[in-house]
Protein backbone atom coordinates (compact mmCIF):
# COMPACT_ATOMS: atom_id res chain seq x y z
CA MET A 1 143.12 -83.13 -49.08
CA ARG A 2 140.52 -85.46 -50.69
CA THR A 3 137.15 -85.06 -52.16
CA ILE A 4 133.92 -86.70 -50.98
CA PRO A 5 130.78 -87.08 -53.08
CA PHE A 6 128.27 -84.33 -52.49
CA PHE A 7 124.89 -85.80 -53.32
CA ILE A 8 122.50 -83.14 -54.59
CA THR A 9 118.75 -83.57 -54.65
CA GLU A 10 116.93 -81.30 -57.07
CA TYR A 11 113.37 -80.42 -56.15
CA ARG A 12 111.07 -79.71 -59.04
CA ASN A 13 107.48 -78.81 -58.96
CA ALA A 14 105.82 -82.11 -60.03
CA ASN A 15 102.38 -80.61 -60.38
CA PRO A 16 102.00 -76.92 -61.36
CA ALA A 17 98.57 -76.73 -59.70
CA ARG A 18 100.02 -77.68 -56.31
CA ALA A 19 103.13 -75.66 -55.41
CA LYS A 20 104.15 -77.87 -52.42
CA ARG A 21 104.66 -81.11 -54.37
CA TYR A 22 108.28 -81.93 -55.29
CA LYS A 23 109.97 -84.64 -57.21
CA ALA A 24 113.43 -85.71 -55.97
CA VAL A 25 116.13 -86.45 -58.50
CA LEU A 26 119.48 -87.77 -57.29
CA VAL A 27 122.49 -86.16 -59.02
CA ARG A 28 126.07 -87.32 -58.36
CA ASP A 29 128.15 -84.91 -60.42
CA VAL A 30 129.38 -82.54 -57.69
CA GLU A 31 132.14 -83.22 -55.20
CA SER A 32 133.05 -81.31 -52.14
CA VAL A 33 136.59 -80.77 -50.98
CA TYR A 34 137.09 -82.34 -47.57
CA VAL A 35 140.28 -81.31 -45.66
CA GLY A 36 139.59 -83.23 -42.48
CA LYS A 37 142.04 -85.23 -40.50
CA GLY A 38 140.37 -88.63 -40.19
CA SER A 39 137.37 -89.61 -38.21
CA ILE A 40 134.59 -87.40 -36.87
CA SER A 41 134.71 -87.21 -33.07
CA GLY A 42 131.97 -84.65 -32.35
CA PRO A 43 130.48 -81.32 -33.18
CA ASP A 44 133.79 -79.50 -32.81
CA THR A 45 135.34 -81.72 -35.53
CA ILE A 46 132.46 -81.14 -37.86
CA PHE A 47 132.61 -77.37 -37.29
CA ARG A 48 136.40 -77.34 -37.93
CA ASP A 49 136.19 -79.52 -41.06
CA PHE A 50 132.89 -78.48 -42.68
CA ALA A 51 131.96 -74.98 -41.54
CA ASP A 52 133.52 -73.35 -44.61
CA ILE A 53 131.46 -75.57 -46.90
CA PHE A 54 128.30 -74.55 -44.88
CA ARG A 55 129.12 -70.87 -44.86
CA GLU A 56 129.68 -70.76 -48.59
CA ARG A 57 125.97 -71.13 -49.24
CA ASN A 58 124.91 -68.54 -46.59
CA VAL A 59 121.39 -69.96 -46.20
CA ASP A 60 119.70 -72.09 -43.53
CA ALA A 61 120.06 -75.64 -44.69
CA CYS A 62 120.16 -79.19 -43.38
CA TYR A 63 123.25 -81.34 -44.19
CA PHE A 64 123.58 -85.07 -43.91
CA ILE A 65 127.16 -86.35 -43.52
CA TYR A 66 127.53 -90.04 -44.28
CA LEU A 67 130.23 -91.98 -42.35
CA ASP A 68 131.91 -95.33 -42.79
CA ASN A 69 132.47 -97.75 -39.96
CA LYS A 70 135.63 -95.78 -38.89
CA LYS A 71 133.55 -92.58 -38.63
CA GLN A 72 135.19 -91.02 -41.59
CA PRO A 73 133.04 -88.96 -43.97
CA ILE A 74 132.33 -90.70 -47.27
CA GLY A 75 129.50 -88.45 -48.60
CA MET A 76 127.38 -85.46 -47.91
CA GLU A 77 123.91 -84.14 -48.96
CA SER A 78 122.11 -80.89 -48.38
CA PHE A 79 118.43 -79.92 -48.25
CA PRO A 80 116.69 -76.54 -47.89
CA ASP A 81 115.83 -76.02 -44.23
CA ASP A 82 112.13 -75.35 -44.85
CA LEU A 83 111.78 -78.74 -46.58
CA VAL A 84 113.27 -80.59 -43.54
CA SER A 85 111.36 -78.72 -40.93
CA GLY A 86 108.14 -78.47 -42.91
CA ALA A 87 105.26 -80.87 -43.42
CA LEU A 88 105.70 -84.58 -42.75
CA ALA A 89 104.94 -85.40 -46.46
CA ASP A 90 107.93 -83.25 -47.48
CA PHE A 91 110.13 -84.76 -44.87
CA GLU A 92 109.31 -88.25 -46.04
CA GLN A 93 110.74 -87.32 -49.46
CA VAL A 94 113.88 -86.00 -47.72
CA ALA A 95 114.20 -89.22 -45.67
CA ARG A 96 113.87 -91.42 -48.81
CA SER A 97 116.61 -89.40 -50.47
CA VAL A 98 118.87 -89.41 -47.40
CA PHE A 99 118.78 -93.20 -47.04
CA ARG A 100 119.08 -93.85 -50.68
CA SER A 101 122.30 -91.71 -50.69
CA ALA A 102 123.49 -93.47 -47.52
CA ILE A 103 123.06 -96.77 -49.18
CA MET A 104 124.76 -95.57 -52.45
CA ALA A 105 127.72 -94.30 -50.31
CA ASN A 106 127.78 -97.61 -48.36
CA ALA A 107 127.39 -95.60 -45.12
CA ASN A 108 127.39 -97.16 -41.69
CA ALA A 109 126.09 -94.02 -39.99
CA PHE A 110 125.14 -90.45 -40.66
CA ILE A 111 125.11 -87.11 -38.83
CA CYS A 112 122.44 -84.57 -39.48
CA VAL A 113 123.78 -80.93 -39.22
CA ARG A 114 121.16 -78.18 -39.27
CA TRP A 115 123.10 -74.99 -40.29
CA LYS A 116 121.46 -71.71 -39.19
CA VAL A 117 122.87 -68.41 -40.42
CA THR A 118 121.61 -66.32 -37.51
CA GLY A 119 123.06 -68.36 -34.57
CA VAL A 120 122.38 -71.56 -32.73
CA ASN A 121 118.84 -71.69 -31.32
CA VAL A 122 117.51 -75.22 -30.57
CA ASP A 123 113.77 -75.37 -30.72
CA THR A 124 110.99 -77.98 -30.56
CA ILE A 125 111.33 -78.52 -34.38
CA ASP A 126 114.86 -79.74 -33.90
CA ARG A 127 113.85 -82.19 -31.15
CA LYS A 128 111.00 -83.45 -33.29
CA ILE A 129 113.25 -83.96 -36.36
CA ALA A 130 115.87 -85.77 -34.28
CA SER A 131 113.57 -88.07 -32.30
CA ASN A 132 110.30 -88.49 -34.17
CA ARG A 133 111.34 -88.19 -37.79
CA LEU A 134 114.90 -89.44 -38.29
CA GLU A 135 115.24 -92.01 -35.54
CA PRO A 136 112.44 -94.43 -36.88
CA TYR A 137 113.87 -94.31 -40.40
CA ALA A 138 117.41 -94.97 -39.17
CA THR A 139 116.27 -97.93 -37.12
CA LEU A 140 114.31 -99.36 -40.00
CA MET A 141 117.29 -98.97 -42.46
CA GLY A 142 119.89 -100.26 -40.04
CA ILE A 143 121.99 -97.11 -40.46
CA LYS A 144 122.99 -95.35 -37.18
CA MET A 145 122.20 -91.82 -36.59
CA ALA A 146 125.47 -90.78 -34.93
CA ASP A 147 124.36 -87.27 -34.02
CA TYR A 148 121.97 -84.39 -34.73
CA ILE A 149 123.72 -81.09 -34.50
CA VAL A 150 122.45 -77.46 -34.80
CA MET A 151 125.36 -75.25 -35.94
CA SER A 152 126.08 -71.65 -36.97
CA SER A 153 129.05 -69.37 -37.68
CA GLU A 154 127.53 -66.90 -35.27
CA VAL A 155 127.46 -67.45 -31.53
CA GLY A 156 123.93 -68.18 -30.40
CA ALA A 157 122.26 -69.26 -27.12
CA TYR A 158 124.34 -72.46 -27.00
CA GLY A 159 127.56 -71.22 -28.63
CA ARG A 160 128.39 -72.18 -32.21
CA TRP A 161 126.87 -75.70 -32.05
CA PHE A 162 124.53 -77.89 -30.04
CA GLY A 163 125.05 -81.68 -30.32
CA PHE A 164 122.19 -83.92 -29.25
CA ALA A 165 124.40 -86.99 -28.70
CA ASP A 166 126.89 -85.06 -26.49
CA ARG A 167 123.98 -84.04 -24.21
CA GLY A 168 122.35 -87.48 -24.08
CA LEU A 169 119.32 -86.36 -26.00
CA LEU A 170 119.78 -88.91 -28.82
CA GLU A 171 119.27 -92.63 -28.22
CA LEU A 172 121.09 -93.70 -31.32
CA GLY A 173 124.30 -91.76 -30.52
CA ASP A 174 127.73 -93.41 -30.12
CA GLU A 175 127.61 -96.99 -29.02
C-alpha cells in the first residue's frame, strides 16, 4: 500500500455579482491511499484500484489520474462534474489546473475518469470533452491522454465502465 498525492482544486466565487466565475487554488495537503498492483492496463484496472475512492464521495465527478512513463499512478485530481461538462470558460479553468497538476507530478500521461453515480451512460458531452476539449490541450502540453473513461458502481447501458481508447474512439490512446 502506498499513497499518491491527491491534488484538490478549490473553487471560490471570485466575483459575488457573477455566480459562475471561479478562482482555482491548488492545494497539495491531501493524499489518497492507492492499493494498486503496478501499472494501469485499462478501465478494469482503474475500476478495481480506484472505485472505492470514487464511491466514497457519492457524487458525479470527474477525476484525472496522472501516470508516469511506466503507466503507474503518481497523482490524482477531482472536479465537480458540472464544472467539467459545463461552459467552455469553466472548462478552460479545469484544463489549466489539470495540466498544472500534471506538470507538478511530472506526469507522462493522464486518464480522465468521469464517475457517474446512476450508471454508465455515454452521451455527446463525453465525446465532446474527450475529443474537442481535452485532446487539444494534451497535444499542446505534450502530455498524452491515455484514456477517457465513463464509470459507475451501478451497471448502466455499457456495464460498469466505457473506455474510449479500448473502442478506438480516442486518437491519443496507447501508442
